Amino acid sequence: MQSFLNDILKNSEKKIAILVDPDKVNTQSELNPLLKKIEALESAVIFVGGSTVDPIDFDNCISVIKENSNVPIILFPGSSMQISDKADGILFLSLISGRNPDFLIGHQVESAHLIKKMDLEVIPTGYLLIDGGKTSAVSYVSQTSPIPADQITIAVNTAIAGEMLGLDVLFMDAGSGAKHPVNVDMIAAVRKNIHIPLIVGGGIKTVENIEAAIGAGADLVVIGNRIEEDTDFLLDIKSLLRKERISSMNNLN
């Protein structure tokens, strides 16, 4: 299996992650049309997970994706129960923006012995929940407050702490169904102060949102709800990625 983390570090081409929530789609008839369009992106990776997911739906979702797609599957678990050896890797998340010990280290301790037995790339990830204009499922389930959207210094200091603790990746998330994405000033400030890959997601609904996040320093942009509403949005993303590749080639020349 190609290393997801090394791919981000060594490849200058920005990538897109499509978030699949098994609570919403988990059958072959639901997933196949989506998977065909994701395959066409070429520069995509699939995240699977959610805040509240039935274990059977979770396993079904992973199985269908694995059987019908060659796109790498990275687990984005909302709890210690969302683990599967059918995936390629797992974001081993610590909710460093909150102060709930269950999500800082508790779920990690519960799941560590199982993950260690699996052939998964484990990606230690600092998770920063950012206010996206509405109460997110993550905030409710974890019983933590997001970092206010205008508190850039808090976000930067939290990110620096995560890197100093030895985490390999940082994930800034405005949460599922956010009214607005993480603001570009915050992304840019965090990017300036860390030297590890930066993932950004939540509230990203337009190509312009994607371009803004990439322009501010995101190494990977996560799209979730927008795809659930309109899978044809993937065609717009494909056009954007093609433009990015052409621009990168021209810069090299």
Protein backbone atom coordinates (compact mmCIF):
# COMPACT_ATOMS: atom_id res chain seq x y z
CA MET A 1 0.00 0.00 0.00
CA GLN A 2 1.29 3.45 -0.91
CA SER A 3 1.74 5.67 2.12
CA PHE A 4 -0.99 8.27 2.29
CA LEU A 5 1.11 10.54 4.49
CA ASN A 6 4.23 10.25 2.33
CA ASP A 7 2.12 10.94 -0.73
CA ILE A 8 1.06 14.27 0.74
CA LEU A 9 4.57 15.15 1.81
CA LYS A 10 6.36 14.22 -1.42
CA ASN A 11 3.79 15.19 -4.04
CA SER A 12 3.22 18.91 -4.55
CA GLU A 13 -0.12 18.25 -6.27
CA LYS A 14 -2.95 19.17 -3.93
CA LYS A 15 -5.54 16.47 -3.33
CA ILE A 16 -9.21 16.09 -2.55
CA ALA A 17 -10.72 13.75 0.04
CA ILE A 18 -14.33 12.70 -0.37
CA LEU A 19 -15.98 12.05 2.98
CA VAL A 20 -18.47 9.17 2.93
CA ASP A 21 -20.74 8.93 5.96
CA PRO A 22 -22.00 5.32 6.34
CA ASP A 23 -24.97 6.65 8.29
CA LYS A 24 -26.19 8.21 5.03
CA VAL A 25 -24.88 5.89 2.29
CA ASN A 26 -23.78 2.29 2.78
CA THR A 27 -25.37 0.07 0.12
CA GLN A 28 -24.02 -0.83 -3.32
CA SER A 29 -26.86 0.93 -5.13
CA GLU A 30 -26.19 4.13 -3.18
CA LEU A 31 -22.40 4.02 -3.43
CA ASN A 32 -21.67 2.81 -6.97
CA PRO A 33 -22.70 6.01 -8.84
CA LEU A 34 -20.63 8.04 -6.39
CA LEU A 35 -17.61 5.74 -6.65
CA LYS A 36 -17.52 5.97 -10.46
CA LYS A 37 -17.25 9.75 -10.26
CA ILE A 38 -14.65 9.62 -7.49
CA GLU A 39 -12.52 7.26 -9.58
CA ALA A 40 -12.52 9.84 -12.37
CA LEU A 41 -10.93 12.43 -10.07
CA GLU A 42 -7.63 10.47 -9.98
CA SER A 43 -6.26 12.72 -7.22
CA ALA A 44 -8.84 11.65 -4.66
CA VAL A 45 -8.84 9.66 -1.45
CA ILE A 46 -11.96 8.45 0.36
CA PHE A 47 -12.49 9.20 4.04
CA VAL A 48 -15.08 7.01 5.78
CA GLY A 49 -16.62 7.87 9.12
CA GLY A 50 -19.16 9.90 11.02
CA SER A 51 -20.13 11.03 14.49
CA THR A 52 -22.93 8.47 14.92
CA VAL A 53 -22.66 5.37 12.73
CA ASP A 54 -24.19 1.90 13.15
CA PRO A 55 -21.38 -0.73 13.13
CA ILE A 56 -23.18 -2.84 10.51
CA ASP A 57 -23.65 0.16 8.19
CA PHE A 58 -20.00 1.08 8.72
CA ASP A 59 -18.75 -2.38 7.77
CA ASN A 60 -21.10 -2.61 4.78
CA CYS A 61 -19.92 0.76 3.50
CA ILE A 62 -16.23 -0.17 3.71
CA SER A 63 -16.86 -3.53 2.00
CA VAL A 64 -18.76 -2.00 -0.92
CA ILE A 65 -16.12 0.68 -1.50
CA LYS A 66 -13.29 -1.85 -1.35
CA GLU A 67 -15.00 -4.21 -3.79
CA ASN A 68 -15.94 -1.53 -6.30
CA SER A 69 -13.13 1.03 -6.20
CA ASN A 70 -9.34 1.32 -6.27
CA VAL A 71 -9.34 4.68 -4.48
CA PRO A 72 -7.48 4.55 -1.11
CA ILE A 73 -9.79 4.32 1.90
CA ILE A 74 -8.78 6.23 5.02
CA LEU A 75 -10.86 5.80 8.17
CA PHE A 76 -12.02 9.05 9.77
CA PRO A 77 -13.48 7.54 12.95
CA GLY A 78 -15.98 9.23 15.18
CA SER A 79 -15.47 6.63 17.90
CA SER A 80 -13.37 3.62 18.86
CA MET A 81 -15.95 1.37 17.19
CA GLN A 82 -15.28 2.72 13.69
CA ILE A 83 -12.35 0.49 12.75
CA SER A 84 -11.93 -1.90 9.84
CA ASP A 85 -9.03 -3.93 8.50
CA LYS A 86 -10.51 -3.55 5.01
CA ALA A 87 -9.36 0.07 4.85
CA ASP A 88 -5.91 1.26 3.79
CA GLY A 89 -5.25 3.64 6.65
CA ILE A 90 -6.74 5.41 9.64
CA LEU A 91 -6.56 8.94 10.94
CA PHE A 92 -5.70 8.20 14.57
CA LEU A 93 -7.45 11.30 15.80
CA SER A 94 -6.96 13.28 18.97
CA LEU A 95 -9.40 16.15 19.47
CA ILE A 96 -6.78 18.65 20.61
CA SER A 97 -9.08 21.67 20.36
CA GLY A 98 -11.28 20.23 23.11
CA ARG A 99 -10.74 19.26 26.72
CA ASN A 100 -12.76 16.04 26.85
CA PRO A 101 -10.30 13.28 27.84
CA ASP A 102 -12.40 10.63 26.06
CA PHE A 103 -11.64 12.25 22.71
CA LEU A 104 -8.12 13.37 23.60
CA ILE A 105 -6.92 9.88 24.55
CA GLY A 106 -9.78 7.68 25.83
CA HIS A 107 -11.09 6.26 22.55
CA GLN A 108 -7.50 5.89 21.35
CA VAL A 109 -6.62 3.65 24.30
CA GLU A 110 -9.76 1.55 23.71
CA SER A 111 -8.96 0.96 20.05
CA ALA A 112 -5.14 0.77 20.08
CA HIS A 113 -4.81 -2.99 20.62
CA LEU A 114 -7.19 -3.74 17.74
CA ILE A 115 -5.56 -1.31 15.32
CA LYS A 116 -2.10 -2.67 16.12
CA LYS A 117 -3.19 -6.09 14.83
CA MET A 118 -4.47 -4.67 11.53
CA ASP A 119 -2.58 -3.91 8.33
CA LEU A 120 -3.48 -0.23 8.45
CA GLU A 121 -1.33 2.82 7.96
CA VAL A 122 -1.80 4.66 11.26
CA ILE A 123 -1.68 8.44 10.82
CA PRO A 124 -1.44 10.31 14.18
CA THR A 125 -3.70 13.30 13.58
CA GLY A 126 -4.47 16.39 15.63
CA TYR A 127 -8.11 17.32 15.13
CA LEU A 128 -9.11 20.98 15.52
CA LEU A 129 -12.82 21.69 15.51
CA ILE A 130 -13.49 25.23 14.24
CA ASP A 131 -16.79 27.09 14.56
CA GLY A 132 -18.64 26.81 11.26
CA GLY A 133 -21.72 28.83 12.21
CA LYS A 134 -23.83 26.00 13.64
CA THR A 135 -23.57 23.34 16.33
CA SER A 136 -21.96 20.34 14.67
CA ALA A 137 -22.52 16.67 15.44
CA VAL A 138 -18.86 16.45 16.50
CA SER A 139 -19.32 19.23 19.04
CA TYR A 140 -22.48 17.63 20.43
CA VAL A 141 -21.15 14.08 20.62
CA SER A 142 -17.73 15.06 22.00
CA GLN A 143 -19.21 17.64 24.37
CA THR A 144 -16.52 20.14 23.36
CA SER A 145 -16.70 23.69 22.08
CA PRO A 146 -15.14 24.58 18.72
CA ILE A 147 -12.44 27.22 18.41
CA PRO A 148 -14.24 30.49 17.53
CA ALA A 149 -13.80 31.41 13.86
CA ASP A 150 -12.11 34.71 14.71
CA GLN A 151 -9.69 33.31 17.30
CA ILE A 152 -6.77 32.75 14.97
CA THR A 153 -4.15 32.87 17.74
CA ILE A 154 -5.87 30.04 19.63
CA ALA A 155 -5.96 27.93 16.46
CA VAL A 156 -2.30 28.62 15.72
CA ASN A 157 -1.15 27.83 19.26
CA THR A 158 -3.22 24.63 19.31
CA ALA A 159 -1.71 23.57 15.98
CA ILE A 160 1.82 24.30 17.17
CA ALA A 161 1.17 22.27 20.32
CA GLY A 162 -0.07 19.37 18.20
CA GLU A 163 3.08 19.40 16.10
CA MET A 164 5.28 19.64 19.20
CA LEU A 165 3.48 16.62 20.66
CA GLY A 166 4.66 14.65 17.64
CA LEU A 167 1.43 14.42 15.64
CA ASP A 168 2.05 13.80 11.94
CA VAL A 169 -0.97 15.64 10.48
CA LEU A 170 -3.37 18.40 11.53
CA PHE A 171 -7.03 18.46 10.51
CA MET A 172 -8.98 21.74 10.80
CA ASP A 173 -12.70 21.00 10.49
CA ALA A 174 -15.71 23.31 10.58
CA GLY A 175 -17.92 20.23 11.00
CA SER A 176 -20.49 18.48 8.87
CA GLY A 177 -23.11 20.85 7.45
CA ALA A 178 -21.23 23.96 8.54
CA LYS A 179 -22.70 27.23 7.29
CA HIS A 180 -19.26 28.48 6.33
CA PRO A 181 -15.81 26.89 5.98
CA VAL A 182 -12.70 27.58 8.03
CA ASN A 183 -11.67 31.10 7.09
CA VAL A 184 -8.62 31.49 4.90
CA ASP A 185 -6.82 33.81 7.32
CA MET A 186 -6.89 31.09 9.97
CA ILE A 187 -5.73 28.43 7.49
CA ALA A 188 -2.88 30.66 6.30
CA ALA A 189 -1.78 31.50 9.84
CA VAL A 190 -1.72 27.84 10.88
CA ARG A 191 0.10 26.85 7.68
CA LYS A 192 2.77 29.51 8.35
CA ASN A 193 3.48 28.13 11.80
CA ILE A 194 3.60 24.36 11.24
CA HIS A 195 5.71 22.04 9.08
CA ILE A 196 3.40 19.03 8.85
CA PRO A 197 0.54 18.33 6.40
CA LEU A 198 -2.66 20.29 6.91
CA ILE A 199 -6.13 18.91 6.12
CA VAL A 200 -9.11 21.29 5.94
CA GLY A 201 -12.79 20.37 5.78
CA GLY A 202 -16.32 21.37 6.71
CA GLY A 203 -18.60 23.84 4.98
CA ILE A 204 -16.79 23.62 1.64
CA LYS A 205 -19.56 23.91 -0.93
CA THR A 206 -18.05 25.55 -4.01
CA VAL A 207 -15.01 25.30 -6.25
CA GLU A 208 -14.08 28.75 -4.99
CA ASN A 209 -14.06 27.42 -1.41
CA ILE A 210 -11.70 24.65 -2.48
CA GLU A 211 -9.40 27.07 -4.31
CA ALA A 212 -9.39 29.41 -1.31
CA ALA A 213 -8.44 26.62 1.12
CA ILE A 214 -5.67 25.36 -1.20
CA GLY A 215 -4.43 28.89 -1.78
CA ALA A 216 -4.25 29.48 1.97
CA GLY A 217 -2.11 26.38 2.50
CA ALA A 218 -4.31 23.28 2.80
CA ASP A 219 -2.56 20.11 1.57
CA LEU A 220 -5.82 18.17 1.44
CA VAL A 221 -9.38 19.49 1.20
CA VAL A 222 -12.29 17.35 2.43
CA ILE A 223 -15.68 17.49 0.73
CA GLY A 224 -18.69 15.85 2.39
CA ASN A 225 -22.19 17.29 2.51
CA ARG A 226 -21.90 19.04 -0.85
CA ILE A 227 -21.34 15.69 -2.58
CA GLU A 228 -24.31 14.17 -0.77
CA GLU A 229 -26.49 16.97 -2.12
CA ASP A 230 -25.13 16.83 -5.68
CA THR A 231 -22.70 14.17 -6.88
CA ASP A 232 -22.20 16.14 -10.12
CA PHE A 233 -20.17 18.59 -8.05
CA LEU A 234 -17.40 16.02 -8.48
CA LEU A 235 -17.24 17.01 -12.16
CA ASP A 236 -16.52 20.59 -11.13
CA ILE A 237 -13.78 19.32 -8.82
CA LYS A 238 -12.31 17.28 -11.69
CA SER A 239 -12.08 20.43 -13.81
CA LEU A 240 -10.37 22.27 -10.95
CA LEU A 241 -7.80 19.50 -10.45
CA ARG A 242 -7.08 19.43 -14.17
CA LYS A 243 -6.49 23.19 -14.09
CA GLU A 244 -4.20 22.78 -11.05
CA ARG A 245 -2.14 20.14 -12.86
CA ILE A 246 -1.79 22.26 -16.00
CA SER A 247 -0.77 25.26 -13.89
CA SER A 248 1.85 23.18 -12.05
CA MET A 249 3.29 21.89 -15.33
CA ASN A 250 3.50 25.41 -16.75
CA ASN A 251 5.29 26.61 -13.62
CA LEU A 252 7.84 23.82 -14.01
CA ASN A 253 8.47 24.84 -17.61
